[in-house]
Amino acid sequence: AIFDESAKKDDEVFRTAVGDLNQNEEILQTEKITFSVTFVDGNNPFQAVQE
């Protein structure tokens, strides 16, 4: 549960930062930043390793 809350907070901060970067016209002229986040079951070591 501790890791879940930390991961959600990190994800929110990361999304905000990427959103800010994507609003910068100088950056948008050359590239657009995209990303994906997948939450895995921390109790399943096989899934954690695969991801």
C-alpha atoms as a PDB file:
ATOM      1  CA  ALA A   1       0.000   0.000   0.000  1.00  0.00           C
ATOM      2  CA  ILE A   2       2.888   2.362   0.718  1.00  0.00           C
ATOM      3  CA  PHE A   3       4.345   1.743  -2.729  1.00  0.00           C
ATOM      4  CA  ASP A   4       0.936   2.259  -4.361  1.00  0.00           C
ATOM      5  CA  GLU A   5       0.541   5.726  -2.835  1.00  0.00           C
ATOM      6  CA  SER A   6       4.111   6.677  -3.720  1.00  0.00           C
ATOM      7  CA  ALA A   7       3.682   5.433  -7.297  1.00  0.00           C
ATOM      8  CA  LYS A   8       0.436   7.360  -7.730  1.00  0.00           C
ATOM      9  CA  LYS A   9       2.068  10.546  -6.445  1.00  0.00           C
ATOM     10  CA  ASP A  10       5.103  10.040  -8.726  1.00  0.00           C
ATOM     11  CA  ASP A  11       2.785   9.383 -11.674  1.00  0.00           C
ATOM     12  CA  GLU A  12       0.852  12.594 -10.998  1.00  0.00           C
ATOM     13  CA  VAL A  13       4.048  14.666 -10.774  1.00  0.00           C
ATOM     14  CA  PHE A  14       5.401  13.072 -13.961  1.00  0.00           C
ATOM     15  CA  ARG A  15       2.164  13.721 -15.883  1.00  0.00           C
ATOM     16  CA  THR A  16       2.203  17.356 -14.760  1.00  0.00           C
ATOM     17  CA  ALA A  17       5.823  17.788 -15.862  1.00  0.00           C
ATOM     18  CA  VAL A  18       5.184  16.214 -19.271  1.00  0.00           C
ATOM     19  CA  GLY A  19       2.066  18.345 -19.697  1.00  0.00           C
ATOM     20  CA  ASP A  20       4.096  21.476 -18.979  1.00  0.00           C
ATOM     21  CA  LEU A  21       6.783  20.441 -21.463  1.00  0.00           C
ATOM     22  CA  ASN A  22       4.200  19.722 -24.154  1.00  0.00           C
ATOM     23  CA  GLN A  23       2.856  23.273 -23.783  1.00  0.00           C
ATOM     24  CA  ASN A  24       6.285  24.723 -24.585  1.00  0.00           C
ATOM     25  CA  GLU A  25       6.149  25.807 -28.244  1.00  0.00           C
ATOM     26  CA  GLU A  26       9.916  25.535 -28.769  1.00  0.00           C
ATOM     27  CA  ILE A  27       9.888  21.887 -27.725  1.00  0.00           C
ATOM     28  CA  LEU A  28       6.727  21.125 -29.707  1.00  0.00           C
ATOM     29  CA  GLN A  29       8.336  22.358 -32.920  1.00  0.00           C
ATOM     30  CA  THR A  30      10.850  19.515 -32.761  1.00  0.00           C
ATOM     31  CA  GLU A  31       9.204  16.746 -30.762  1.00  0.00           C
ATOM     32  CA  LYS A  32       6.246  15.775 -28.635  1.00  0.00           C
ATOM     33  CA  ILE A  33       6.810  13.851 -25.420  1.00  0.00           C
ATOM     34  CA  THR A  34       4.654  10.788 -24.871  1.00  0.00           C
ATOM     35  CA  PHE A  35       4.741   8.114 -22.216  1.00  0.00           C
ATOM     36  CA  SER A  36       2.763   5.254 -20.767  1.00  0.00           C
ATOM     37  CA  VAL A  37       2.496   3.947 -17.234  1.00  0.00           C
ATOM     38  CA  THR A  38       1.332   0.493 -16.221  1.00  0.00           C
ATOM     39  CA  PHE A  39       0.730  -0.462 -12.624  1.00  0.00           C
ATOM     40  CA  VAL A  40       1.634  -4.075 -11.871  1.00  0.00           C
ATOM     41  CA  ASP A  41       0.702  -6.348  -9.006  1.00  0.00           C
ATOM     42  CA  GLY A  42       3.609  -6.051  -6.577  1.00  0.00           C
ATOM     43  CA  ASN A  43       2.697  -9.407  -5.060  1.00  0.00           C
ATOM     44  CA  ASN A  44       3.262 -11.171  -8.378  1.00  0.00           C
ATOM     45  CA  PRO A  45       7.040 -11.326  -8.991  1.00  0.00           C
ATOM     46  CA  PHE A  46       6.574 -12.728 -12.507  1.00  0.00           C
ATOM     47  CA  GLN A  47       4.472  -9.772 -13.627  1.00  0.00           C
ATOM     48  CA  ALA A  48       6.867  -7.286 -12.032  1.00  0.00           C
ATOM     49  CA  VAL A  49       9.816  -8.833 -13.889  1.00  0.00           C
ATOM     50  CA  GLN A  50       7.948  -8.914 -17.229  1.00  0.00           C
ATOM     51  CA  GLU A  51       6.989  -5.257 -17.027  1.00  0.00           C
END
